[in-house]
Protein backbone atom coordinates (compact mmCIF):
# COMPACT_ATOMS: atom_id res chain seq x y z
CA UNK A 1 28.23 19.87 31.24
CA UNK A 2 24.73 20.94 30.21
CA UNK A 3 24.25 18.08 27.78
CA UNK A 4 24.26 14.33 28.35
CA UNK A 5 26.85 12.06 26.71
CA UNK A 6 26.20 8.36 26.20
CA UNK A 7 29.16 6.25 25.07
CA UNK A 8 28.53 3.04 23.13
CA UNK A 9 31.45 0.71 22.46
CA UNK A 10 31.25 -1.21 19.19
CA UNK A 11 34.73 -2.66 18.95
CA UNK A 12 36.72 -0.62 16.46
CA UNK A 13 34.02 2.07 16.59
CA UNK A 14 32.86 4.01 19.62
CA UNK A 15 29.83 6.30 19.48
CA UNK A 16 29.65 9.35 21.72
CA UNK A 17 26.04 10.52 21.62
CA UNK A 18 25.59 14.08 22.93
CA UNK A 19 22.01 15.07 23.81
CA UNK A 20 21.46 18.76 24.44
CA UNK A 21 19.39 19.89 27.44
CA UNK A 22 15.70 20.69 27.09
CA UNK A 23 16.62 24.31 26.34
CA UNK A 24 18.36 22.94 23.24
CA UNK A 25 15.38 20.78 22.21
CA UNK A 26 17.24 17.63 23.26
CA UNK A 27 18.94 17.69 19.85
CA UNK A 28 21.46 14.87 19.58
CA UNK A 29 24.84 15.12 17.90
CA UNK A 30 26.57 11.82 17.21
CA UNK A 31 30.35 11.65 17.44
CA UNK A 32 31.46 8.49 15.67
CA UNK A 33 34.97 7.57 16.77
CA UNK A 34 36.84 5.35 14.34
CA UNK A 35 40.40 4.08 14.95
CA UNK A 36 42.00 7.38 13.91
CA UNK A 37 39.23 9.92 13.33
CA UNK A 38 36.05 11.53 14.62
CA UNK A 39 32.99 12.04 12.45
CA UNK A 40 30.20 14.28 13.76
CA UNK A 41 26.59 13.96 12.69
CA UNK A 42 24.42 17.10 13.06
CA UNK A 43 25.42 20.35 14.67
CA UNK A 44 22.94 21.45 17.36
CA UNK A 45 20.39 24.28 17.52
CA UNK A 46 22.29 26.46 20.00
CA UNK A 47 25.85 27.57 19.36
CA UNK A 48 26.70 27.10 23.05
CA UNK A 49 25.70 23.43 22.89
CA UNK A 50 27.69 22.91 19.70
CA UNK A 51 30.70 24.46 21.43
CA UNK A 52 30.24 21.99 24.29
CA UNK A 53 30.22 19.07 21.86
CA UNK A 54 33.41 20.37 20.25
CA UNK A 55 35.11 20.75 23.63
CA UNK A 56 34.17 17.16 24.49
CA UNK A 57 35.47 15.98 21.11
CA UNK A 58 38.83 17.64 21.74
CA UNK A 59 39.22 15.49 24.83
CA UNK A 60 39.08 12.35 22.69
CA UNK A 61 42.43 13.23 21.13
CA UNK A 62 41.53 12.49 17.51
CA UNK A 63 41.06 14.90 14.59
CA UNK A 64 37.51 15.81 13.57
CA UNK A 65 37.38 14.66 9.97
CA UNK A 66 33.97 16.09 9.03
CA UNK A 67 30.51 17.04 10.23
CA UNK A 68 27.56 15.53 8.40
CA UNK A 69 24.26 17.43 8.27
CA UNK A 70 21.35 15.02 7.79
CA UNK A 71 18.61 17.49 6.83
CA UNK A 72 17.78 21.17 6.50
CA UNK A 73 16.03 21.82 9.81
CA UNK A 74 18.03 24.58 11.51
CA UNK A 75 18.08 22.82 14.87
CA UNK A 76 20.55 20.37 13.32
CA UNK A 77 22.99 22.78 11.73
CA UNK A 78 23.01 26.12 13.56
CA UNK A 79 26.23 25.12 15.32
CA UNK A 80 27.95 23.45 12.35
CA UNK A 81 30.62 26.16 12.03
CA UNK A 82 31.77 25.52 15.60
CA UNK A 83 33.17 22.15 14.53
CA UNK A 84 35.74 23.81 12.22
CA UNK A 85 35.60 20.84 9.86
CA UNK A 86 34.34 20.17 6.33
CA UNK A 87 30.53 20.15 6.26
CA UNK A 88 29.02 17.24 4.32
CA UNK A 89 25.41 16.90 3.16
CA UNK A 90 23.22 15.66 0.35
CA UNK A 91 23.00 18.12 -2.55
CA UNK A 92 19.28 18.70 -1.97
CA UNK A 93 19.94 19.41 1.72
CA UNK A 94 22.66 21.90 0.79
CA UNK A 95 20.21 23.73 -1.46
CA UNK A 96 17.44 23.71 1.16
CA UNK A 97 19.81 25.10 3.79
CA UNK A 98 20.89 27.88 1.45
CA UNK A 99 17.27 28.83 0.80
CA UNK A 100 16.75 29.52 4.51
CA UNK A 101 19.38 32.25 4.51
CA UNK A 102 20.81 33.80 7.64
CA UNK A 103 19.23 32.74 10.93
CA UNK A 104 19.78 32.93 14.67
CA UNK A 105 19.83 30.27 17.37
CA UNK A 106 17.35 30.06 20.25
CA UNK A 107 19.54 32.42 22.28
CA UNK A 108 19.61 35.05 19.55
CA UNK A 109 23.14 34.28 18.37
CA UNK A 110 23.44 35.00 14.61
CA UNK A 111 23.94 32.06 12.25
CA UNK A 112 25.29 33.15 8.88
CA UNK A 113 24.30 30.90 5.99
CA UNK A 114 27.74 31.11 4.39
CA UNK A 115 29.44 29.82 7.53
CA UNK A 116 27.28 26.67 7.79
CA UNK A 117 26.97 25.92 4.08
CA UNK A 118 28.00 22.36 3.17
CA UNK A 119 31.38 22.19 1.48
CA UNK A 120 31.25 18.52 0.38
CA UNK A 121 28.36 16.64 -1.18
CA UNK A 122 27.33 13.14 -0.15
CA UNK A 123 26.36 10.64 -2.82
CA UNK A 124 24.13 7.83 -1.55
CA UNK A 125 26.00 4.57 -1.42
CA UNK A 126 28.78 2.88 0.51
CA UNK A 127 31.93 4.63 1.65
CA UNK A 128 34.77 3.18 3.72
CA UNK A 129 36.11 5.82 6.11
CA UNK A 130 39.17 4.95 8.19
CA UNK A 131 38.45 1.25 7.63
CA UNK A 132 34.80 1.52 8.71
CA UNK A 133 31.92 0.89 6.30
CA UNK A 134 29.33 3.69 6.15
CA UNK A 135 26.18 3.30 4.06
CA UNK A 136 24.50 6.58 3.12
CA UNK A 137 20.84 6.52 2.10
CA UNK A 138 18.56 9.36 0.98
CA UNK A 139 15.11 9.10 2.54
CA UNK A 140 12.14 10.97 1.09
CA UNK A 141 9.28 12.20 3.27
CA UNK A 142 8.32 11.61 6.87
CA UNK A 143 9.69 14.16 9.33
CA UNK A 144 10.89 16.34 6.45
CA UNK A 145 11.06 16.17 2.68
CA UNK A 146 14.65 14.94 2.41
CA UNK A 147 16.90 13.32 4.98
CA UNK A 148 20.11 11.33 5.15
CA UNK A 149 20.12 7.95 6.90
CA UNK A 150 23.48 6.43 7.87
CA UNK A 151 24.10 2.75 8.52
CA UNK A 152 27.17 1.16 10.05
CA UNK A 153 26.26 -2.41 9.13
CA UNK A 154 29.33 -4.10 10.61
CA UNK A 155 28.64 -2.49 14.00
CA UNK A 156 24.84 -2.77 13.93
CA UNK A 157 24.45 1.01 14.30
CA UNK A 158 21.64 2.94 12.59
CA UNK A 159 22.09 6.72 12.62
CA UNK A 160 18.43 7.60 12.16
CA UNK A 161 18.52 11.19 13.45
CA UNK A 162 15.09 12.82 12.95
CA UNK A 163 13.49 9.74 11.49
CA UNK A 164 13.31 8.74 15.16
CA UNK A 165 12.69 10.72 18.34
CA UNK A 166 13.28 8.98 21.67
CA UNK A 167 11.05 10.05 24.56
CA UNK A 168 10.85 13.59 23.22
CA UNK A 169 8.01 15.34 21.45
CA UNK A 170 8.24 15.12 17.68
CA UNK A 171 7.99 17.72 14.93
CA UNK A 172 5.03 16.86 12.70
CA UNK A 173 5.01 20.17 10.85
CA UNK A 174 5.80 18.49 7.54
CA UNK A 175 2.35 16.87 7.81
CA UNK A 176 3.48 13.55 6.34
CA UNK A 177 2.66 11.12 9.12
CA UNK A 178 1.46 8.30 6.87
CA UNK A 179 4.75 8.21 4.96
CA UNK A 180 6.68 8.43 8.24
CA UNK A 181 4.93 5.35 9.54
CA UNK A 182 5.96 3.42 6.43
CA UNK A 183 9.57 4.52 6.89
CA UNK A 184 9.56 3.29 10.49
CA UNK A 185 8.30 -0.13 9.37
CA UNK A 186 11.04 -0.31 6.75
CA UNK A 187 13.76 0.62 9.24
CA UNK A 188 12.87 -1.96 11.86
CA UNK A 189 15.65 -4.52 11.56
CA UNK A 190 17.03 -6.54 14.49
CA UNK A 191 20.50 -6.59 12.97
CA UNK A 192 20.77 -2.95 14.07
CA UNK A 193 20.70 -3.13 17.84
CA UNK A 194 21.74 0.51 18.29
CA UNK A 195 19.45 3.24 16.96
CA UNK A 196 20.66 6.83 17.24
CA UNK A 197 17.86 9.43 17.26
CA UNK A 198 18.05 13.09 16.37
CA UNK A 199 16.33 14.07 19.63
CA UNK A 200 16.84 11.96 22.73
CA UNK A 201 19.15 9.26 24.00
CA UNK A 202 20.34 6.21 22.03
CA UNK A 203 17.79 3.43 21.77
CA UNK A 204 17.19 -0.12 20.60
CA UNK A 205 14.69 -1.60 18.19
CA UNK A 206 11.79 -0.90 20.57
CA UNK A 207 12.02 2.77 19.66
CA UNK A 208 10.35 2.11 16.30
CA UNK A 209 7.14 0.84 17.90
CA UNK A 210 7.22 3.68 20.43
CA UNK A 211 7.66 6.24 17.67
CA UNK A 212 4.88 4.68 15.59
CA UNK A 213 2.52 4.86 18.58
CA UNK A 214 3.38 8.53 19.13
CA UNK A 215 2.70 9.34 15.47
CA UNK A 216 -0.59 7.47 15.61
CA UNK A 217 -1.60 9.58 18.60
CA UNK A 218 -0.48 12.74 16.83
CA UNK A 219 -2.54 11.83 13.79
CA UNK A 220 -5.61 11.22 15.97
CA UNK A 221 -5.20 14.41 18.01
CA UNK A 222 -4.09 16.83 15.31
CA UNK A 223 -7.00 18.99 14.21
CA UNK A 224 -7.12 22.64 13.19
CA UNK A 225 -6.16 24.16 16.55
CA UNK A 226 -2.47 24.07 17.41
CA UNK A 227 -2.95 25.02 21.07
CA UNK A 228 -5.50 22.25 21.54
CA UNK A 229 -3.17 19.76 19.88
CA UNK A 230 -0.28 20.74 22.12
CA UNK A 231 -2.37 20.31 25.25
CA UNK A 232 -3.65 16.94 24.05
CA UNK A 233 -0.31 15.45 23.00
CA UNK A 234 1.36 16.59 26.23
CA UNK A 235 -1.47 15.07 28.23
CA UNK A 236 -0.98 11.81 26.30
CA UNK A 237 2.82 11.89 26.76
CA UNK A 238 3.42 13.94 29.92
CA UNK A 239 6.92 12.55 30.53
CA UNK A 240 8.22 13.37 27.06
CA UNK A 241 10.80 16.16 26.82
CA UNK A 242 11.12 19.22 24.56
CA UNK A 243 7.45 20.33 24.27
CA UNK A 244 8.67 23.45 22.46
CA UNK A 245 9.14 21.21 19.41
CA UNK A 246 5.33 21.01 19.25
CA UNK A 247 5.20 24.81 19.05
CA UNK A 248 7.63 24.77 16.15
CA UNK A 249 5.50 22.22 14.33
CA UNK A 250 2.38 24.29 14.98
CA UNK A 251 4.05 27.27 13.34
CA UNK A 252 4.57 25.23 10.17
CA UNK A 253 1.05 23.81 10.29
CA UNK A 254 -1.01 26.76 11.47
CA UNK A 255 1.24 29.82 11.32
CA UNK A 256 1.10 30.09 15.11
CA UNK A 257 4.40 31.64 16.15
CA UNK A 258 6.06 29.95 19.16
CA UNK A 259 5.91 31.99 22.33
């Protein structure tokens, strides 16, 4: 297996957190196993990694009820069609995905917009799925303009996805660091002892302070030269994975196309 799976047992819920290898930007798909179903959150940047998640899910012996796409960044939905399940998203995220049109993954595999288009819309609020309480929240700003946050309050699980990166370099191309810092402060809550990031392995509450420190460094180092910023942030965080994410952010900020 190219990716890394971390299994977290929460009683009647078990989370299987699949982190792609560095070649897949360490994107993390969450497989939430309820008593009778599987619910996937985010669909990988590379089709091959999505296929690996699906193969792992088959081994769990439960039907895949849906895949939820948290936001419109392609690294989280390129592989959505591989799951062969209804695709759920906020209405605004559906529209933003459609506006991107046809794409291709990092290996050049075509991604047709029609095949990954959400089929079911999520309304923020509480939904009980297979006896498990899910709380869906729409978050504005930060890593991107619109993102879905998912809480499992009875299990103390916060599905933060790209509101949190864990020991990987972060995308700051939306240029909204100040708002992101506020969001992190609002999310810090000890009743959620499991925090699931969109890039990196599962974490605890300490990840919020770590993420805030990274964003503070990014804010200090980010000038008008993307190459200089990349060198500086990697020097500050040499052990962090997925430096190519910095290149992607630089393209949004400076128009510098990733090599």
